[in-house]
């Protein structure tokens, strides 16, 4: 079977500005330099997806074969995880081959960063797939988001806390980021808001 070419980057477009999280972006880069799987964990709505997309966009040049994005939020059951990831890679299931094995053939030794978003409700299936892909694809790195760790060997975790609010202990100015974020989103929703 012929190897596929680069998979390309298919990151979602940012619809609003990215505010703060400089330390977390640096942590993602540092962790991905030493681990092939980095999972951003934290409560829902804290900004794990935005952080993952921004980090992946910043790292695109390090992954010449591409940075595909697979959103698992709408995946109805664990059996659909491999199909969603295959779609992110532009792989169609026509060969009758086991889909994870087909993905291994496509990715092979290419330098790819897979962003695997919203893993929590299909965590076990996502973990099995990630383990299979990492075993067969030495150039693959995975940046996942989930409310809980995937528990795959070699996984590095980055806990993503809410932005601190004013009055909290923050020497980095992160509390100012929380205020800027609130003001920007509020005025975008209601332009005359004062």
N, C-alpha and C. Protein backbone atom coordinates (compact mmCIF):
# COMPACT_ATOMS: atom_id res chain seq x y z
N UNK A 1 0.84 -1.18 0.00
CA UNK A 1 0.00 0.00 0.00
C UNK A 1 0.88 1.24 0.00
N UNK A 2 0.60 2.18 -0.85
CA UNK A 2 1.38 3.41 -0.93
C UNK A 2 1.09 4.29 0.28
N UNK A 3 2.12 4.96 0.73
CA UNK A 3 1.97 5.87 1.85
C UNK A 3 1.31 7.16 1.38
N UNK A 4 0.50 7.72 2.21
CA UNK A 4 -0.17 8.98 1.87
C UNK A 4 0.82 10.12 2.05
N UNK A 5 0.51 11.23 1.42
CA UNK A 5 1.32 12.43 1.58
C UNK A 5 0.94 13.14 2.87
N UNK A 6 1.44 14.36 3.02
CA UNK A 6 1.12 15.12 4.22
C UNK A 6 -0.39 15.25 4.41
N UNK A 7 -0.81 15.25 5.67
CA UNK A 7 -2.24 15.30 5.97
C UNK A 7 -2.76 16.73 6.04
N UNK A 8 -1.89 17.69 6.18
CA UNK A 8 -2.32 19.08 6.22
C UNK A 8 -2.83 19.49 7.59
N UNK A 9 -3.10 20.77 7.72
CA UNK A 9 -3.61 21.31 8.97
C UNK A 9 -5.07 21.68 8.80
N UNK A 10 -5.86 21.22 9.71
CA UNK A 10 -7.29 21.47 9.64
C UNK A 10 -7.80 22.00 10.99
N UNK A 11 -7.11 22.96 11.52
CA UNK A 11 -7.51 23.52 12.81
C UNK A 11 -8.72 24.44 12.63
N UNK A 12 -9.63 24.46 13.60
CA UNK A 12 -10.76 25.38 13.50
C UNK A 12 -10.27 26.83 13.60
N UNK A 13 -10.93 27.70 12.86
CA UNK A 13 -10.58 29.12 12.91
C UNK A 13 -11.01 29.71 14.24
N UNK A 14 -10.17 30.59 14.77
CA UNK A 14 -10.53 31.28 16.00
C UNK A 14 -11.54 32.37 15.66
N UNK A 15 -12.60 32.45 16.43
CA UNK A 15 -13.67 33.42 16.16
C UNK A 15 -13.56 34.67 17.01
N UNK A 16 -12.68 34.64 17.97
CA UNK A 16 -12.46 35.80 18.82
C UNK A 16 -10.99 35.79 19.24
N UNK A 17 -10.56 36.88 19.85
CA UNK A 17 -9.15 36.98 20.22
C UNK A 17 -8.82 35.99 21.34
N UNK A 18 -7.56 35.65 21.37
CA UNK A 18 -7.05 34.75 22.40
C UNK A 18 -6.39 35.63 23.46
N UNK A 19 -6.84 35.48 24.70
CA UNK A 19 -6.37 36.36 25.77
C UNK A 19 -5.68 35.52 26.84
N UNK A 20 -4.49 35.95 27.23
CA UNK A 20 -3.78 35.32 28.34
C UNK A 20 -3.21 33.95 28.01
N UNK A 21 -3.00 33.16 29.04
CA UNK A 21 -2.53 31.78 28.94
C UNK A 21 -1.12 31.66 28.37
N UNK A 22 -0.30 32.72 28.52
CA UNK A 22 1.07 32.64 28.02
C UNK A 22 1.85 31.54 28.72
N UNK A 23 1.70 31.42 30.02
CA UNK A 23 2.44 30.39 30.76
C UNK A 23 1.99 29.00 30.32
N UNK A 24 0.69 28.82 30.12
CA UNK A 24 0.19 27.51 29.70
C UNK A 24 0.66 27.16 28.29
N UNK A 25 0.71 28.15 27.39
CA UNK A 25 1.22 27.89 26.04
C UNK A 25 2.68 27.43 26.10
N UNK A 26 3.46 28.08 26.92
CA UNK A 26 4.86 27.67 27.09
C UNK A 26 4.94 26.26 27.68
N UNK A 27 4.05 25.95 28.61
CA UNK A 27 4.03 24.61 29.20
C UNK A 27 3.67 23.54 28.17
N UNK A 28 2.71 23.84 27.28
CA UNK A 28 2.34 22.88 26.24
C UNK A 28 3.54 22.61 25.35
N UNK A 29 4.22 23.66 24.90
CA UNK A 29 5.40 23.47 24.05
C UNK A 29 6.46 22.64 24.75
N UNK A 30 6.72 22.95 26.02
CA UNK A 30 7.73 22.22 26.78
C UNK A 30 7.34 20.76 26.94
N UNK A 31 6.09 20.50 27.29
CA UNK A 31 5.65 19.12 27.49
C UNK A 31 5.68 18.32 26.19
N UNK A 32 5.28 18.93 25.07
CA UNK A 32 5.29 18.22 23.79
C UNK A 32 6.71 17.94 23.30
N UNK A 33 7.69 18.70 23.80
CA UNK A 33 9.06 18.42 23.39
C UNK A 33 9.59 17.17 24.09
N UNK A 34 8.96 16.78 25.19
CA UNK A 34 9.44 15.62 25.93
C UNK A 34 8.48 14.45 25.97
N UNK A 35 7.25 14.64 25.57
CA UNK A 35 6.24 13.58 25.62
C UNK A 35 5.45 13.57 24.32
N UNK A 36 5.11 12.38 23.87
CA UNK A 36 4.35 12.28 22.63
C UNK A 36 2.86 12.45 22.83
N UNK A 37 2.39 12.42 24.08
CA UNK A 37 0.98 12.65 24.41
C UNK A 37 0.90 13.65 25.54
N UNK A 38 0.25 14.78 25.27
CA UNK A 38 0.00 15.78 26.29
C UNK A 38 -1.51 15.96 26.36
N UNK A 39 -2.06 15.82 27.57
CA UNK A 39 -3.49 16.00 27.76
C UNK A 39 -3.73 17.22 28.63
N UNK A 40 -4.53 18.15 28.10
CA UNK A 40 -4.96 19.32 28.85
C UNK A 40 -6.21 18.91 29.62
N UNK A 41 -6.14 18.95 30.94
CA UNK A 41 -7.27 18.54 31.76
C UNK A 41 -7.77 19.71 32.60
N UNK A 42 -9.08 19.72 32.81
CA UNK A 42 -9.69 20.78 33.61
C UNK A 42 -11.19 20.72 33.44
N UNK A 43 -11.90 21.53 34.21
CA UNK A 43 -13.36 21.53 34.13
C UNK A 43 -13.85 22.06 32.78
N UNK A 44 -15.09 21.74 32.46
CA UNK A 44 -15.70 22.21 31.22
C UNK A 44 -15.76 23.72 31.18
N UNK A 45 -15.50 24.30 30.01
CA UNK A 45 -15.61 25.73 29.83
C UNK A 45 -14.42 26.55 30.27
N UNK A 46 -13.35 25.90 30.70
CA UNK A 46 -12.19 26.62 31.22
C UNK A 46 -11.26 27.12 30.11
N UNK A 47 -11.43 26.61 28.90
CA UNK A 47 -10.61 27.08 27.78
C UNK A 47 -9.60 26.06 27.27
N UNK A 48 -9.82 24.79 27.53
CA UNK A 48 -8.88 23.76 27.08
C UNK A 48 -8.80 23.71 25.56
N UNK A 49 -9.94 23.78 24.90
CA UNK A 49 -9.95 23.72 23.43
C UNK A 49 -9.23 24.92 22.84
N UNK A 50 -9.54 26.12 23.32
CA UNK A 50 -8.89 27.33 22.80
C UNK A 50 -7.38 27.25 22.99
N UNK A 51 -6.96 26.77 24.16
CA UNK A 51 -5.53 26.63 24.44
C UNK A 51 -4.90 25.61 23.49
N UNK A 52 -5.55 24.49 23.27
CA UNK A 52 -5.01 23.45 22.39
C UNK A 52 -4.91 23.95 20.95
N UNK A 53 -5.94 24.64 20.47
CA UNK A 53 -5.93 25.15 19.09
C UNK A 53 -4.83 26.19 18.92
N UNK A 54 -4.70 27.10 19.88
CA UNK A 54 -3.65 28.13 19.78
C UNK A 54 -2.26 27.49 19.83
N UNK A 55 -2.06 26.55 20.74
CA UNK A 55 -0.76 25.88 20.83
C UNK A 55 -0.44 25.14 19.54
N UNK A 56 -1.43 24.44 19.00
CA UNK A 56 -1.21 23.69 17.76
C UNK A 56 -0.88 24.64 16.60
N UNK A 57 -1.58 25.76 16.53
CA UNK A 57 -1.30 26.74 15.47
C UNK A 57 0.12 27.28 15.61
N UNK A 58 0.53 27.54 16.82
CA UNK A 58 1.88 28.04 17.07
C UNK A 58 2.95 27.01 16.70
N UNK A 59 2.61 25.72 16.81
CA UNK A 59 3.57 24.64 16.58
C UNK A 59 3.53 24.07 15.16
N UNK A 60 2.69 24.59 14.29
CA UNK A 60 2.51 24.03 12.94
C UNK A 60 3.82 23.77 12.20
N UNK A 61 4.75 24.70 12.27
CA UNK A 61 6.00 24.54 11.52
C UNK A 61 6.83 23.36 12.00
N UNK A 62 6.62 22.93 13.22
CA UNK A 62 7.36 21.78 13.75
C UNK A 62 6.80 20.45 13.25
N UNK A 63 5.64 20.49 12.59
CA UNK A 63 4.98 19.27 12.12
C UNK A 63 4.68 19.41 10.63
N UNK A 64 5.69 19.14 9.79
CA UNK A 64 5.55 19.39 8.35
C UNK A 64 4.45 18.57 7.68
N UNK A 65 4.08 17.44 8.24
CA UNK A 65 3.02 16.63 7.62
C UNK A 65 1.63 17.11 8.01
N UNK A 66 1.52 17.97 9.01
CA UNK A 66 0.22 18.55 9.32
C UNK A 66 -0.17 18.50 10.78
N UNK A 67 -1.27 19.20 11.05
CA UNK A 67 -1.84 19.30 12.39
C UNK A 67 -3.36 19.11 12.27
N UNK A 68 -3.82 17.87 12.14
CA UNK A 68 -5.26 17.64 12.04
C UNK A 68 -5.95 17.79 13.40
N UNK A 69 -7.23 18.16 13.34
CA UNK A 69 -8.04 18.40 14.54
C UNK A 69 -9.25 17.47 14.50
N UNK A 70 -9.42 16.67 15.54
CA UNK A 70 -10.57 15.77 15.64
C UNK A 70 -11.38 16.14 16.88
N UNK A 71 -12.59 16.66 16.66
CA UNK A 71 -13.48 17.03 17.75
C UNK A 71 -14.37 15.85 18.08
N UNK A 72 -14.24 15.32 19.29
CA UNK A 72 -15.03 14.16 19.70
C UNK A 72 -16.30 14.54 20.44
N UNK A 73 -16.59 15.83 20.57
CA UNK A 73 -17.77 16.27 21.35
C UNK A 73 -19.05 15.66 20.83
N UNK A 74 -19.21 15.57 19.53
CA UNK A 74 -20.46 15.07 18.95
C UNK A 74 -20.42 13.58 18.62
N UNK A 75 -19.34 12.92 18.98
CA UNK A 75 -19.23 11.48 18.71
C UNK A 75 -20.22 10.76 19.64
N UNK A 76 -21.18 10.04 19.06
CA UNK A 76 -22.25 9.47 19.88
C UNK A 76 -21.85 8.28 20.74
N UNK A 77 -20.84 7.53 20.30
CA UNK A 77 -20.45 6.35 21.08
C UNK A 77 -18.98 6.04 20.84
N UNK A 78 -18.38 5.27 21.73
CA UNK A 78 -16.96 4.96 21.61
C UNK A 78 -16.56 4.31 20.29
N UNK A 79 -17.45 3.56 19.68
CA UNK A 79 -17.13 2.88 18.43
C UNK A 79 -16.90 3.86 17.28
N UNK A 80 -17.30 5.11 17.44
CA UNK A 80 -17.15 6.11 16.38
C UNK A 80 -15.89 6.95 16.49
N UNK A 81 -15.09 6.74 17.53
CA UNK A 81 -13.89 7.56 17.75
C UNK A 81 -12.91 7.41 16.59
N UNK A 82 -12.59 6.19 16.19
CA UNK A 82 -11.63 5.99 15.10
C UNK A 82 -12.12 6.63 13.81
N UNK A 83 -13.41 6.56 13.55
CA UNK A 83 -13.97 7.17 12.35
C UNK A 83 -13.81 8.68 12.36
N UNK A 84 -14.01 9.30 13.51
CA UNK A 84 -13.87 10.75 13.62
C UNK A 84 -12.41 11.16 13.40
N UNK A 85 -11.48 10.39 13.95
CA UNK A 85 -10.07 10.69 13.76
C UNK A 85 -9.68 10.46 12.30
N UNK A 86 -10.20 9.41 11.70
CA UNK A 86 -9.93 9.14 10.28
C UNK A 86 -10.40 10.31 9.42
N UNK A 87 -11.57 10.85 9.74
CA UNK A 87 -12.08 12.02 9.00
C UNK A 87 -11.12 13.20 9.13
N UNK A 88 -10.56 13.40 10.32
CA UNK A 88 -9.61 14.50 10.52
C UNK A 88 -8.37 14.33 9.65
N UNK A 89 -8.00 13.10 9.39
CA UNK A 89 -6.84 12.81 8.54
C UNK A 89 -7.21 12.71 7.06
N UNK A 90 -8.49 12.84 6.74
CA UNK A 90 -8.93 12.71 5.36
C UNK A 90 -8.92 11.28 4.86
N UNK A 91 -9.01 10.33 5.78
CA UNK A 91 -8.98 8.90 5.43
C UNK A 91 -10.41 8.39 5.33
N UNK A 92 -10.70 7.74 4.23
CA UNK A 92 -12.02 7.11 4.05
C UNK A 92 -11.87 5.62 4.28
N UNK A 93 -12.83 5.03 4.94
CA UNK A 93 -12.78 3.60 5.27
C UNK A 93 -13.38 2.80 4.11
N UNK A 94 -12.53 2.49 3.12
CA UNK A 94 -12.99 1.73 1.96
C UNK A 94 -12.30 0.39 1.81
N UNK A 95 -11.23 0.19 2.52
CA UNK A 95 -10.38 -0.98 2.29
C UNK A 95 -10.86 -2.23 3.01
N UNK A 96 -11.75 -2.08 3.97
CA UNK A 96 -12.13 -3.22 4.80
C UNK A 96 -11.09 -3.50 5.88
N UNK A 97 -10.01 -2.74 5.85
CA UNK A 97 -8.95 -2.87 6.85
C UNK A 97 -9.44 -2.25 8.17
N UNK A 98 -8.99 -2.80 9.29
CA UNK A 98 -9.30 -2.25 10.60
C UNK A 98 -8.87 -0.78 10.59
N UNK A 99 -9.78 0.13 10.89
CA UNK A 99 -9.53 1.56 10.73
C UNK A 99 -8.29 2.06 11.48
N UNK A 100 -8.06 1.68 12.73
CA UNK A 100 -6.81 2.13 13.37
C UNK A 100 -5.56 1.67 12.61
N UNK A 101 -5.58 0.47 12.05
CA UNK A 101 -4.44 -0.01 11.27
C UNK A 101 -4.28 0.82 10.00
N UNK A 102 -5.39 1.19 9.39
CA UNK A 102 -5.34 2.04 8.19
C UNK A 102 -4.75 3.40 8.54
N UNK A 103 -5.12 3.95 9.69
CA UNK A 103 -4.55 5.23 10.13
C UNK A 103 -3.04 5.11 10.35
N UNK A 104 -2.60 4.01 10.94
CA UNK A 104 -1.17 3.79 11.14
C UNK A 104 -0.46 3.78 9.79
N UNK A 105 -1.05 3.14 8.79
CA UNK A 105 -0.46 3.11 7.45
C UNK A 105 -0.38 4.51 6.85
N UNK A 106 -1.40 5.32 7.05
CA UNK A 106 -1.43 6.66 6.48
C UNK A 106 -0.43 7.58 7.17
N UNK A 107 -0.42 7.54 8.49
CA UNK A 107 0.47 8.43 9.24
C UNK A 107 1.92 7.97 9.12
N UNK A 108 2.12 6.67 9.26
CA UNK A 108 3.45 6.04 9.16
C UNK A 108 4.48 6.79 10.02
N UNK A 109 5.51 7.30 9.38
CA UNK A 109 6.58 7.97 10.13
C UNK A 109 6.56 9.48 9.95
N UNK A 110 5.46 10.00 9.44
CA UNK A 110 5.34 11.45 9.24
C UNK A 110 5.33 12.19 10.58
N UNK A 111 5.80 13.42 10.55
CA UNK A 111 5.79 14.28 11.73
C UNK A 111 4.43 14.98 11.78
N UNK A 112 3.54 14.49 12.64
CA UNK A 112 2.16 14.98 12.72
C UNK A 112 1.82 15.28 14.17
N UNK A 113 1.06 16.36 14.38
CA UNK A 113 0.48 16.66 15.68
C UNK A 113 -1.03 16.52 15.55
N UNK A 114 -1.59 15.53 16.20
CA UNK A 114 -3.04 15.32 16.21
C UNK A 114 -3.62 16.02 17.43
N UNK A 115 -4.59 16.91 17.19
CA UNK A 115 -5.32 17.54 18.29
C UNK A 115 -6.61 16.76 18.45
N UNK A 116 -6.76 16.15 19.61
CA UNK A 116 -7.91 15.29 19.92
C UNK A 116 -8.71 15.98 21.02
N UNK A 117 -9.85 16.56 20.65
CA UNK A 117 -10.59 17.46 21.54
C UNK A 117 -11.82 16.78 22.14
N UNK A 118 -12.10 17.09 23.40
CA UNK A 118 -13.30 16.61 24.10
C UNK A 118 -13.35 15.09 24.23
N UNK A 119 -12.36 14.54 24.87
CA UNK A 119 -12.23 13.07 24.99
C UNK A 119 -13.03 12.46 26.14
N UNK A 120 -13.52 13.26 27.08
CA UNK A 120 -14.02 12.72 28.34
C UNK A 120 -15.12 11.67 28.21
N UNK A 121 -16.07 11.85 27.32
CA UNK A 121 -17.19 10.91 27.26
C UNK A 121 -16.87 9.63 26.47
N UNK A 122 -15.74 9.63 25.77
CA UNK A 122 -15.30 8.44 25.03
C UNK A 122 -13.84 8.14 25.40
N UNK A 123 -13.51 8.42 26.63
CA UNK A 123 -12.14 8.37 27.12
C UNK A 123 -11.44 7.05 26.85
N UNK A 124 -12.07 5.93 27.17
CA UNK A 124 -11.41 4.64 27.01
C UNK A 124 -11.12 4.33 25.53
N UNK A 125 -12.08 4.62 24.66
CA UNK A 125 -11.88 4.39 23.23
C UNK A 125 -10.79 5.32 22.68
N UNK A 126 -10.80 6.56 23.13
CA UNK A 126 -9.76 7.50 22.70
C UNK A 126 -8.39 7.03 23.17
N UNK A 127 -8.31 6.53 24.39
CA UNK A 127 -7.04 6.05 24.93
C UNK A 127 -6.52 4.86 24.13
N UNK A 128 -7.39 3.92 23.81
CA UNK A 128 -6.97 2.74 23.03
C UNK A 128 -6.47 3.18 21.65
N UNK A 129 -7.20 4.09 21.01
CA UNK A 129 -6.79 4.56 19.68
C UNK A 129 -5.46 5.30 19.76
N UNK A 130 -5.30 6.19 20.71
CA UNK A 130 -4.06 6.94 20.86
C UNK A 130 -2.90 5.98 21.09
N UNK A 131 -3.09 5.00 21.95
CA UNK A 131 -2.03 4.03 22.22
C UNK A 131 -1.65 3.28 20.94
N UNK A 132 -2.64 2.85 20.18
CA UNK A 132 -2.39 2.14 18.92
C UNK A 132 -1.63 3.02 17.94
N UNK A 133 -2.06 4.26 17.78
CA UNK A 133 -1.42 5.16 16.83
C UNK A 133 0.01 5.50 17.27
N UNK A 134 0.20 5.75 18.55
CA UNK A 134 1.54 6.10 19.02
C UNK A 134 2.50 4.92 18.90
N UNK A 135 1.99 3.71 19.06
CA UNK A 135 2.83 2.53 18.92
C UNK A 135 3.30 2.36 17.48
N UNK A 136 2.43 2.62 16.52
CA UNK A 136 2.76 2.40 15.12
C UNK A 136 3.28 3.60 14.36
N UNK A 137 3.24 4.78 14.97
CA UNK A 137 3.60 6.02 14.26
C UNK A 137 4.62 6.81 15.09
N UNK A 138 5.90 6.56 14.89
CA UNK A 138 6.90 7.20 15.76
C UNK A 138 6.98 8.71 15.64
N UNK A 139 6.49 9.31 14.56
CA UNK A 139 6.54 10.76 14.41
C UNK A 139 5.29 11.46 14.89
N UNK A 140 4.33 10.71 15.40
CA UNK A 140 3.06 11.29 15.84
C UNK A 140 3.15 11.81 17.26
N UNK A 141 2.63 13.00 17.46
CA UNK A 141 2.41 13.55 18.80
C UNK A 141 0.93 13.89 18.89
N UNK A 142 0.39 13.78 20.11
CA UNK A 142 -1.03 14.01 20.32
C UNK A 142 -1.20 15.06 21.42
N UNK A 143 -2.03 16.05 21.13
CA UNK A 143 -2.43 17.04 22.12
C UNK A 143 -3.92 16.85 22.33
N UNK A 144 -4.29 16.33 23.50
CA UNK A 144 -5.68 15.99 23.79
C UNK A 144 -6.25 16.95 24.82
N UNK A 145 -7.58 17.09 24.79
CA UNK A 145 -8.28 17.83 25.85
C UNK A 145 -9.33 16.90 26.44
N UNK A 146 -9.44 16.95 27.76
CA UNK A 146 -10.39 16.08 28.45
C UNK A 146 -10.59 16.59 29.87
N UNK A 147 -11.68 16.20 30.45
CA UNK A 147 -11.90 16.55 31.86
C UNK A 147 -11.13 15.62 32.77
N UNK A 148 -10.63 14.50 32.22
CA UNK A 148 -9.84 13.56 33.02
C UNK A 148 -8.73 12.99 32.13
N UNK A 149 -7.64 12.52 32.74
CA UNK A 149 -6.53 11.96 31.96
C UNK A 149 -6.96 10.76 31.12
N UNK A 150 -6.23 10.52 30.03
CA UNK A 150 -6.50 9.34 29.21
C UNK A 150 -5.86 8.09 29.81
N UNK A 151 -4.87 8.27 30.66
CA UNK A 151 -4.16 7.17 31.31
C UNK A 151 -3.46 6.26 30.31
N UNK A 152 -2.81 6.87 29.33
CA UNK A 152 -1.99 6.14 28.37
C UNK A 152 -0.54 6.27 28.82
N UNK A 153 0.22 5.20 28.69
CA UNK A 153 1.62 5.23 29.11
C UNK A 153 2.36 6.37 28.42
N UNK A 154 3.10 7.14 29.20
CA UNK A 154 3.87 8.26 28.67
C UNK A 154 3.11 9.57 28.60
N UNK A 155 1.85 9.57 29.04
CA UNK A 155 1.03 10.78 28.97
C UNK A 155 1.56 11.84 29.94
N UNK A 156 1.67 13.07 29.44
CA UNK A 156 2.00 14.21 30.29
C UNK A 156 0.72 15.02 30.47
N UNK A 157 0.46 15.45 31.67
CA UNK A 157 -0.76 16.20 31.98
C UNK A 157 -0.45 17.67 32.22
N UNK A 158 -1.33 18.51 31.72
CA UNK A 158 -1.28 19.93 32.03
C UNK A 158 -2.66 20.32 32.54
N UNK A 159 -2.74 20.64 33.81
CA UNK A 159 -4.01 21.07 34.40
C UNK A 159 -4.26 22.52 33.98
N UNK A 160 -5.45 22.77 33.45
CA UNK A 160 -5.82 24.11 32.98
C UNK A 160 -6.84 24.67 33.96
N UNK A 161 -6.41 25.59 34.80
CA UNK A 161 -7.33 26.18 35.77
C UNK A 161 -8.09 27.34 35.14
N UNK A 162 -9.18 27.76 35.76
CA UNK A 162 -9.84 28.99 35.30
C UNK A 162 -8.88 30.16 35.44
N UNK A 163 -9.08 31.19 34.64
CA UNK A 163 -8.27 32.40 34.81
C UNK A 163 -8.56 32.97 36.19
N UNK A 164 -7.54 33.44 36.89
CA UNK A 164 -7.78 34.01 38.22
C UNK A 164 -8.56 35.33 38.11
N UNK A 165 -9.32 35.62 39.13
CA UNK A 165 -10.11 36.85 39.16
C UNK A 165 -9.38 37.90 39.97
N UNK A 166 -9.69 39.18 39.74
CA UNK A 166 -9.03 40.24 40.51
C UNK A 166 -9.19 40.01 42.01
N UNK A 167 -8.14 40.35 42.72
CA UNK A 167 -8.14 40.15 44.16
C UNK A 167 -7.49 38.83 44.54
N UNK A 168 -7.30 37.96 43.56
CA UNK A 168 -6.61 36.70 43.81
C UNK A 168 -5.11 36.93 43.76
N UNK A 169 -4.36 35.95 44.20
CA UNK A 169 -2.90 36.05 44.19
C UNK A 169 -2.39 35.72 42.80
N UNK A 170 -1.96 36.75 42.07
CA UNK A 170 -1.43 36.54 40.73
C UNK A 170 -0.42 37.62 40.41
N UNK A 171 0.84 37.27 40.43
CA UNK A 171 1.89 38.23 40.12
C UNK A 171 2.07 38.37 38.61
N UNK A 172 1.51 37.45 37.82
CA UNK A 172 1.73 37.43 36.37
C UNK A 172 0.78 38.33 35.60
N UNK A 173 -0.20 38.92 36.24
CA UNK A 173 -1.18 39.73 35.52
C UNK A 173 -2.31 38.91 34.95
N UNK A 174 -2.40 37.63 35.31
CA UNK A 174 -3.45 36.76 34.78
C UNK A 174 -4.84 37.23 35.20
N UNK A 175 -4.96 37.86 36.37
CA UNK A 175 -6.26 38.38 36.79
C UNK A 175 -6.71 39.48 35.83
N UNK A 176 -5.76 40.27 35.34
CA UNK A 176 -6.10 41.28 34.34
C UNK A 176 -6.60 40.61 33.06
N UNK A 177 -6.05 39.46 32.72
CA UNK A 177 -6.51 38.72 31.54
C UNK A 177 -7.96 38.29 31.70
N UNK A 178 -8.34 37.87 32.89
CA UNK A 178 -9.73 37.47 33.13
C UNK A 178 -10.68 38.64 32.92
N UNK A 179 -10.29 39.80 33.40
CA UNK A 179 -11.11 41.01 33.24
C UNK A 179 -11.18 41.40 31.77
N UNK A 180 -10.04 41.38 31.07
CA UNK A 180 -10.01 41.71 29.63
C UNK A 180 -10.91 40.76 28.85
N UNK A 181 -10.85 39.48 29.19
CA UNK A 181 -11.68 38.49 28.51
C UNK A 181 -13.16 38.78 28.72
N UNK A 182 -13.53 39.03 29.95
CA UNK A 182 -14.93 39.34 30.26
C UNK A 182 -15.41 40.59 29.51
N UNK A 183 -14.62 41.65 29.55
CA UNK A 183 -15.02 42.89 28.89
C UNK A 183 -15.12 42.69 27.38
N UNK A 184 -14.16 42.02 26.80
CA UNK A 184 -14.19 41.81 25.35
C UNK A 184 -15.40 40.99 24.92
N UNK A 185 -15.67 39.90 25.63
CA UNK A 185 -16.80 39.05 25.25
C UNK A 185 -18.13 39.75 25.51
N UNK A 186 -18.21 40.51 26.59
CA UNK A 186 -19.45 41.23 26.90
C UNK A 186 -19.74 42.31 25.87
N UNK A 187 -18.72 43.09 25.50
CA UNK A 187 -18.95 44.15 24.51
C UNK A 187 -19.18 43.59 23.11
N UNK A 188 -18.65 42.42 22.82
CA UNK A 188 -18.94 41.77 21.53
C UNK A 188 -20.41 41.35 21.47
N UNK A 189 -20.93 40.89 22.59
CA UNK A 189 -22.34 40.45 22.64
C UNK A 189 -23.30 41.62 22.70
N UNK A 190 -22.89 42.70 23.36
CA UNK A 190 -23.74 43.89 23.49
C UNK A 190 -22.86 45.12 23.27
N UNK A 191 -22.68 45.56 22.01
CA UNK A 191 -21.73 46.63 21.67
C UNK A 191 -21.91 47.93 22.45
N UNK A 192 -23.09 48.26 22.91
CA UNK A 192 -23.28 49.51 23.65
C UNK A 192 -23.04 49.38 25.14
N UNK A 193 -22.63 48.22 25.58
CA UNK A 193 -22.44 47.97 27.01
C UNK A 193 -21.34 48.86 27.56
N UNK A 194 -21.60 49.47 28.69
CA UNK A 194 -20.59 50.30 29.34
C UNK A 194 -20.20 49.68 30.67
